[in-house]
């Protein structure tokens, strides 16, 4: 029996996961890179919002400090109240926060609705959001709003939720959905190679 080689067992690769209608699902790497592109867009918009906000904070603080009067020994005569500084700063911060949430909603829901389930990042990676029940049907505002609500709002309140939500697709079967996909009844599919 010496000299006989046992032929290797060739096992076929498991089929790629697909949506119910057979469209290939987006890979984790595709979704991650799309997220990074979208995060870059959000970062640029945030900088546009933050530059005037920081300027406004500087003006509030310098105006408050400029109104302090000193006696001959250099001791302050009139100290500003905490509210005189804190309230305008909180108003500026609140304004930036509201604008950031509004931009996030407009980008993730309204922009994606106009683009048939894609954001700029998803378009770059050639993936899109589709309804789980019928991937040929258009994605609805309600679906995108539910995704955004879980992804953006819930993750802002629950620590580490965004990480859990994003990694969920690695073990989810059979549709590789994140938690925000599950709640909205959507999947992310590949639309080009």
Foldseek 3Di string as FASTA:
>chain_A
DPPDDDDDDDDDDDDAFAFPVRFGFDDLVLVVQLVVVVVVVLVVVLVVLVVVLVVQLVVQVVVQVVPFDADPVRHTPDHDDPCSNVVSNVVSVVVSVVVSLVVLLCQQQVVCQVVQAGGVSCVVSQKGKAARVDRVDTQDSQLSVLLCCCQPVVCVPDPPSNVQQSCVLVPDPDQSHGPSCVVSRIGMGHRDD
